[in-house]
Amino acid sequence: LTAAGSGDALGTGAVTVIGSATLNLDPSSAHAYDNALVLGGGSGGSDTLEDQSPTNADSWTGGVTLTTNSIGVINGAGSSGSFVVSGVIGNSGIGALRTEGLVTLSGSNTYTGTTTVSTGTLKDGVANALPTGTTLDVVSGATFDLNGNNQQVGGFGTGTGTITNGSSAVSSAT
């Protein structure tokens, strides 16, 4: 499914992405989407919210729910402008988050599963944008950028990717 046009292209209700499906956001210009979003309306599988714009920075301001035993994927699609997700990402059960491309999380998220940065860069937009109890796994070749913010996590996965601080401000990951 592709959301084309203005930020209200999806209407005003909640959007559910299920069945290993992808919701593609319009690549023609920058948009802000404020719908509530459910990734993984069923049990298991991987469902994706993808910003397809190579140059425009889209944003998702509505809340995001990861369902039990599902993997919610947020993909910045390699855009030169970061895909900013400011809506709080929570879950109903244990849902995991995987990011690809350039993604910035700027909400105080509450999901309980693992956070995997599989490709590209995931940035903290605020202190502790990742839930403090999450396990952070940064895959080889991927980057987690503190972006000048402090971040506490419950543990680190086995990935051999990079944790960096792209800002000159002092920050820490513990």
C-alpha atoms as a PDB file:
ATOM      1  CA  LEU A   1       0.000   0.000   0.000  1.00  0.00           C
ATOM      2  CA  THR A   2       1.332   3.458  -0.883  1.00  0.00           C
ATOM      3  CA  ALA A   3       0.100   6.623   0.824  1.00  0.00           C
ATOM      4  CA  ALA A   4       0.221   9.320  -1.868  1.00  0.00           C
ATOM      5  CA  GLY A   5      -0.568  12.991  -1.520  1.00  0.00           C
ATOM      6  CA  SER A   6      -0.873  15.110   1.586  1.00  0.00           C
ATOM      7  CA  GLY A   7      -0.339  13.915   5.135  1.00  0.00           C
ATOM      8  CA  ASP A   8      -4.063  13.167   5.421  1.00  0.00           C
ATOM      9  CA  ALA A   9      -3.925  10.652   2.551  1.00  0.00           C
ATOM     10  CA  LEU A  10      -4.572   7.874   5.078  1.00  0.00           C
ATOM     11  CA  GLY A  11      -7.684   9.538   6.499  1.00  0.00           C
ATOM     12  CA  THR A  12      -8.093  10.114  10.210  1.00  0.00           C
ATOM     13  CA  GLY A  13      -8.400   6.602  11.625  1.00  0.00           C
ATOM     14  CA  ALA A  14      -5.886   4.053  12.773  1.00  0.00           C
ATOM     15  CA  VAL A  15      -3.888   2.145  10.152  1.00  0.00           C
ATOM     16  CA  THR A  16      -3.039  -1.555  10.625  1.00  0.00           C
ATOM     17  CA  VAL A  17      -0.270  -3.235   8.605  1.00  0.00           C
ATOM     18  CA  ILE A  18      -0.439  -7.059   8.781  1.00  0.00           C
ATOM     19  CA  GLY A  19       0.611 -10.179   6.908  1.00  0.00           C
ATOM     20  CA  SER A  20       4.254  -9.258   6.245  1.00  0.00           C
ATOM     21  CA  ALA A  21       3.010  -6.132   4.456  1.00  0.00           C
ATOM     22  CA  THR A  22       4.547  -2.700   3.854  1.00  0.00           C
ATOM     23  CA  LEU A  23       3.006   0.766   4.064  1.00  0.00           C
ATOM     24  CA  ASN A  24       5.005   2.972   1.683  1.00  0.00           C
ATOM     25  CA  LEU A  25       4.927   6.736   2.216  1.00  0.00           C
ATOM     26  CA  ASP A  26       4.755   9.074  -0.787  1.00  0.00           C
ATOM     27  CA  PRO A  27       8.220   9.836  -2.188  1.00  0.00           C
ATOM     28  CA  SER A  28       7.210  13.026  -4.052  1.00  0.00           C
ATOM     29  CA  SER A  29       7.485  15.474  -1.151  1.00  0.00           C
ATOM     30  CA  ALA A  30       7.804  15.655   2.626  1.00  0.00           C
ATOM     31  CA  HIS A  31       4.675  14.753   4.597  1.00  0.00           C
ATOM     32  CA  ALA A  32       3.690  14.438   8.238  1.00  0.00           C
ATOM     33  CA  TYR A  33       1.397  11.539   9.142  1.00  0.00           C
ATOM     34  CA  ASP A  34      -0.489  11.583  12.446  1.00  0.00           C
ATOM     35  CA  ASN A  35      -2.514   8.359  12.282  1.00  0.00           C
ATOM     36  CA  ALA A  36      -2.263   5.728  14.987  1.00  0.00           C
ATOM     37  CA  LEU A  37      -0.394   2.762  13.473  1.00  0.00           C
ATOM     38  CA  VAL A  38      -0.412  -0.942  14.335  1.00  0.00           C
ATOM     39  CA  LEU A  39       2.479  -2.966  12.910  1.00  0.00           C
ATOM     40  CA  GLY A  40       1.733  -6.680  13.025  1.00  0.00           C
ATOM     41  CA  GLY A  41      -2.013  -6.956  13.422  1.00  0.00           C
ATOM     42  CA  GLY A  42      -1.601 -10.715  13.767  1.00  0.00           C
ATOM     43  CA  SER A  43       0.912 -12.878  15.618  1.00  0.00           C
ATOM     44  CA  GLY A  44       4.349 -13.270  14.137  1.00  0.00           C
ATOM     45  CA  GLY A  45       5.810 -11.909  10.942  1.00  0.00           C
ATOM     46  CA  SER A  46       7.427  -8.653  10.004  1.00  0.00           C
ATOM     47  CA  ASP A  47       5.444  -5.582   8.941  1.00  0.00           C
ATOM     48  CA  THR A  48       7.014  -2.369   7.624  1.00  0.00           C
ATOM     49  CA  LEU A  49       6.468   1.378   7.635  1.00  0.00           C
ATOM     50  CA  GLU A  50       8.701   2.728   4.853  1.00  0.00           C
ATOM     51  CA  ASP A  51       9.622   6.282   3.911  1.00  0.00           C
ATOM     52  CA  GLN A  52      10.383   6.019   0.182  1.00  0.00           C
ATOM     53  CA  SER A  53      11.672   9.547  -0.315  1.00  0.00           C
ATOM     54  CA  PRO A  54      15.372   9.773  -1.208  1.00  0.00           C
ATOM     55  CA  THR A  55      15.535  13.507  -0.398  1.00  0.00           C
ATOM     56  CA  ASN A  56      12.487  14.567   1.627  1.00  0.00           C
ATOM     57  CA  ALA A  57      12.136  13.985   5.344  1.00  0.00           C
ATOM     58  CA  ASP A  58       8.745  12.486   6.191  1.00  0.00           C
ATOM     59  CA  SER A  59       7.558  12.221   9.771  1.00  0.00           C
ATOM     60  CA  TRP A  60       5.189   9.953  11.680  1.00  0.00           C
ATOM     61  CA  THR A  61       3.687  11.691  14.712  1.00  0.00           C
ATOM     62  CA  GLY A  62       0.917   9.217  15.585  1.00  0.00           C
ATOM     63  CA  GLY A  63       1.428   6.475  18.140  1.00  0.00           C
ATOM     64  CA  VAL A  64       2.793   3.139  16.898  1.00  0.00           C
ATOM     65  CA  THR A  65       1.844  -0.228  18.417  1.00  0.00           C
ATOM     66  CA  LEU A  66       3.955  -3.361  17.923  1.00  0.00           C
ATOM     67  CA  THR A  67       1.889  -6.504  18.440  1.00  0.00           C
ATOM     68  CA  THR A  68       2.803  -9.716  20.264  1.00  0.00           C
ATOM     69  CA  ASN A  69       5.543 -11.792  18.626  1.00  0.00           C
ATOM     70  CA  SER A  70       5.802  -9.423  15.661  1.00  0.00           C
ATOM     71  CA  ILE A  71       8.685  -7.367  14.323  1.00  0.00           C
ATOM     72  CA  GLY A  72       7.835  -3.794  13.412  1.00  0.00           C
ATOM     73  CA  VAL A  73      10.219  -2.467  10.782  1.00  0.00           C
ATOM     74  CA  ILE A  74      10.705   1.264  10.280  1.00  0.00           C
ATOM     75  CA  ASN A  75      12.656   1.960   7.112  1.00  0.00           C
ATOM     76  CA  GLY A  76      14.143   5.347   6.207  1.00  0.00           C
ATOM     77  CA  ALA A  77      14.846   3.952   2.713  1.00  0.00           C
ATOM     78  CA  GLY A  78      18.285   5.524   2.576  1.00  0.00           C
ATOM     79  CA  SER A  79      16.868   9.042   2.481  1.00  0.00           C
ATOM     80  CA  SER A  80      19.238  11.964   2.851  1.00  0.00           C
ATOM     81  CA  GLY A  81      16.621  13.455   5.165  1.00  0.00           C
ATOM     82  CA  SER A  82      15.968  11.332   8.222  1.00  0.00           C
ATOM     83  CA  PHE A  83      12.575   9.675   8.659  1.00  0.00           C
ATOM     84  CA  VAL A  84      11.497  11.089  12.040  1.00  0.00           C
ATOM     85  CA  VAL A  85       9.150   9.052  14.210  1.00  0.00           C
ATOM     86  CA  SER A  86       7.967  11.199  17.121  1.00  0.00           C
ATOM     87  CA  GLY A  87       4.861   9.197  17.994  1.00  0.00           C
ATOM     88  CA  VAL A  88       5.434   6.911  20.964  1.00  0.00           C
ATOM     89  CA  ILE A  89       6.163   3.302  19.957  1.00  0.00           C
ATOM     90  CA  GLY A  90       4.557   0.925  22.437  1.00  0.00           C
ATOM     91  CA  ASN A  91       3.303  -2.630  22.271  1.00  0.00           C
ATOM     92  CA  SER A  92       0.621  -5.066  23.207  1.00  0.00           C
ATOM     93  CA  GLY A  93       2.764  -8.001  24.273  1.00  0.00           C
ATOM     94  CA  ILE A  94       6.390  -8.427  23.278  1.00  0.00           C
ATOM     95  CA  GLY A  95       6.981  -6.762  19.919  1.00  0.00           C
ATOM     96  CA  ALA A  96      10.444  -5.978  18.572  1.00  0.00           C
ATOM     97  CA  LEU A  97      11.597  -2.995  16.524  1.00  0.00           C
ATOM     98  CA  ARG A  98      14.021  -3.183  13.585  1.00  0.00           C
ATOM     99  CA  THR A  99      15.215  -0.088  11.751  1.00  0.00           C
ATOM    100  CA  GLU A 100      16.700   0.256   8.282  1.00  0.00           C
ATOM    101  CA  GLY A 101      17.919   3.340   6.424  1.00  0.00           C
ATOM    102  CA  LEU A 102      18.102   6.687   8.234  1.00  0.00           C
ATOM    103  CA  VAL A 103      15.585   6.867  11.109  1.00  0.00           C
ATOM    104  CA  THR A 104      15.345   9.262  14.072  1.00  0.00           C
ATOM    105  CA  LEU A 105      13.214   8.347  17.099  1.00  0.00           C
ATOM    106  CA  SER A 106      12.148  11.451  19.007  1.00  0.00           C
ATOM    107  CA  GLY A 107       9.495  10.052  21.349  1.00  0.00           C
ATOM    108  CA  SER A 108       9.956   8.384  24.732  1.00  0.00           C
ATOM    109  CA  ASN A 109       9.169   4.868  23.524  1.00  0.00           C
ATOM    110  CA  THR A 110       7.809   2.084  25.717  1.00  0.00           C
ATOM    111  CA  TYR A 111       7.895  -1.193  23.715  1.00  0.00           C
ATOM    112  CA  THR A 112       9.456  -4.164  25.513  1.00  0.00           C
ATOM    113  CA  GLY A 113      11.197  -6.133  22.772  1.00  0.00           C
ATOM    114  CA  THR A 114      14.681  -5.938  21.269  1.00  0.00           C
ATOM    115  CA  THR A 115      15.787  -2.963  19.161  1.00  0.00           C
ATOM    116  CA  THR A 116      17.798  -4.052  16.107  1.00  0.00           C
ATOM    117  CA  VAL A 117      19.556  -1.602  13.800  1.00  0.00           C
ATOM    118  CA  SER A 118      19.964  -3.824  10.747  1.00  0.00           C
ATOM    119  CA  THR A 119      21.133  -1.317   8.111  1.00  0.00           C
ATOM    120  CA  GLY A 120      21.760   2.403   7.995  1.00  0.00           C
ATOM    121  CA  THR A 121      21.604   4.651  11.050  1.00  0.00           C
ATOM    122  CA  LEU A 122      19.177   4.904  13.950  1.00  0.00           C
ATOM    123  CA  LYS A 123      19.428   8.226  15.827  1.00  0.00           C
ATOM    124  CA  ASP A 124      18.194   9.206  19.260  1.00  0.00           C
ATOM    125  CA  GLY A 125      16.149  12.383  18.826  1.00  0.00           C
ATOM    126  CA  VAL A 126      15.773  12.767  22.614  1.00  0.00           C
ATOM    127  CA  ALA A 127      17.425  11.262  25.682  1.00  0.00           C
ATOM    128  CA  ASN A 128      16.328   7.634  26.147  1.00  0.00           C
ATOM    129  CA  ALA A 129      14.345   7.484  22.909  1.00  0.00           C
ATOM    130  CA  LEU A 130      14.810   3.716  23.131  1.00  0.00           C
ATOM    131  CA  PRO A 131      13.074   2.065  26.075  1.00  0.00           C
ATOM    132  CA  THR A 132      15.569   1.754  28.918  1.00  0.00           C
ATOM    133  CA  GLY A 133      14.879  -1.991  29.215  1.00  0.00           C
ATOM    134  CA  THR A 134      15.424  -2.861  25.540  1.00  0.00           C
ATOM    135  CA  THR A 135      18.348  -4.917  24.275  1.00  0.00           C
ATOM    136  CA  LEU A 136      20.140  -2.876  21.596  1.00  0.00           C
ATOM    137  CA  ASP A 137      21.599  -4.946  18.749  1.00  0.00           C
ATOM    138  CA  VAL A 138      23.532  -2.996  16.100  1.00  0.00           C
ATOM    139  CA  VAL A 139      24.337  -5.273  13.146  1.00  0.00           C
ATOM    140  CA  SER A 140      27.722  -5.066  11.400  1.00  0.00           C
ATOM    141  CA  GLY A 141      27.743  -2.106   9.012  1.00  0.00           C
ATOM    142  CA  ALA A 142      24.885  -0.328  10.840  1.00  0.00           C
ATOM    143  CA  THR A 143      25.138   2.589  13.284  1.00  0.00           C
ATOM    144  CA  PHE A 144      23.331   3.738  16.399  1.00  0.00           C
ATOM    145  CA  ASP A 145      23.902   7.495  16.842  1.00  0.00           C
ATOM    146  CA  LEU A 146      23.372   8.968  20.309  1.00  0.00           C
ATOM    147  CA  ASN A 147      23.047  12.344  18.573  1.00  0.00           C
ATOM    148  CA  GLY A 148      24.119  14.222  21.713  1.00  0.00           C
ATOM    149  CA  ASN A 149      21.669  12.353  23.954  1.00  0.00           C
ATOM    150  CA  ASN A 150      22.122   9.938  26.841  1.00  0.00           C
ATOM    151  CA  GLN A 151      20.665   6.458  26.322  1.00  0.00           C
ATOM    152  CA  GLN A 152      20.249   3.678  28.853  1.00  0.00           C
ATOM    153  CA  VAL A 153      19.428   0.173  27.589  1.00  0.00           C
ATOM    154  CA  GLY A 154      18.861  -3.157  29.290  1.00  0.00           C
ATOM    155  CA  GLY A 155      21.756  -4.788  27.411  1.00  0.00           C
ATOM    156  CA  PHE A 156      23.564  -5.128  24.127  1.00  0.00           C
ATOM    157  CA  GLY A 157      23.067  -7.808  21.470  1.00  0.00           C
ATOM    158  CA  THR A 158      25.768  -9.678  19.580  1.00  0.00           C
ATOM    159  CA  GLY A 159      25.982  -7.256  16.649  1.00  0.00           C
ATOM    160  CA  THR A 160      29.328  -5.673  15.818  1.00  0.00           C
ATOM    161  CA  GLY A 161      27.985  -2.404  14.407  1.00  0.00           C
ATOM    162  CA  THR A 162      28.935   1.097  15.530  1.00  0.00           C
ATOM    163  CA  ILE A 163      27.642   3.198  18.395  1.00  0.00           C
ATOM    164  CA  THR A 164      28.597   6.822  17.858  1.00  0.00           C
ATOM    165  CA  ASN A 165      27.786  10.318  19.005  1.00  0.00           C
ATOM    166  CA  GLY A 166      27.251  12.449  15.909  1.00  0.00           C
ATOM    167  CA  SER A 167      26.918  15.542  18.091  1.00  0.00           C
ATOM    168  CA  SER A 168      29.690  17.356  19.899  1.00  0.00           C
ATOM    169  CA  ALA A 169      27.642  17.230  23.127  1.00  0.00           C
ATOM    170  CA  VAL A 170      28.667  14.746  25.816  1.00  0.00           C
ATOM    171  CA  SER A 171      26.469  11.670  25.919  1.00  0.00           C
ATOM    172  CA  SER A 172      26.630   8.078  27.049  1.00  0.00           C
ATOM    173  CA  ALA A 173      25.131   4.684  26.294  1.00  0.00           C
ATOM    174  CA  THR A 174      24.883   2.351  29.272  1.00  0.00           C
END
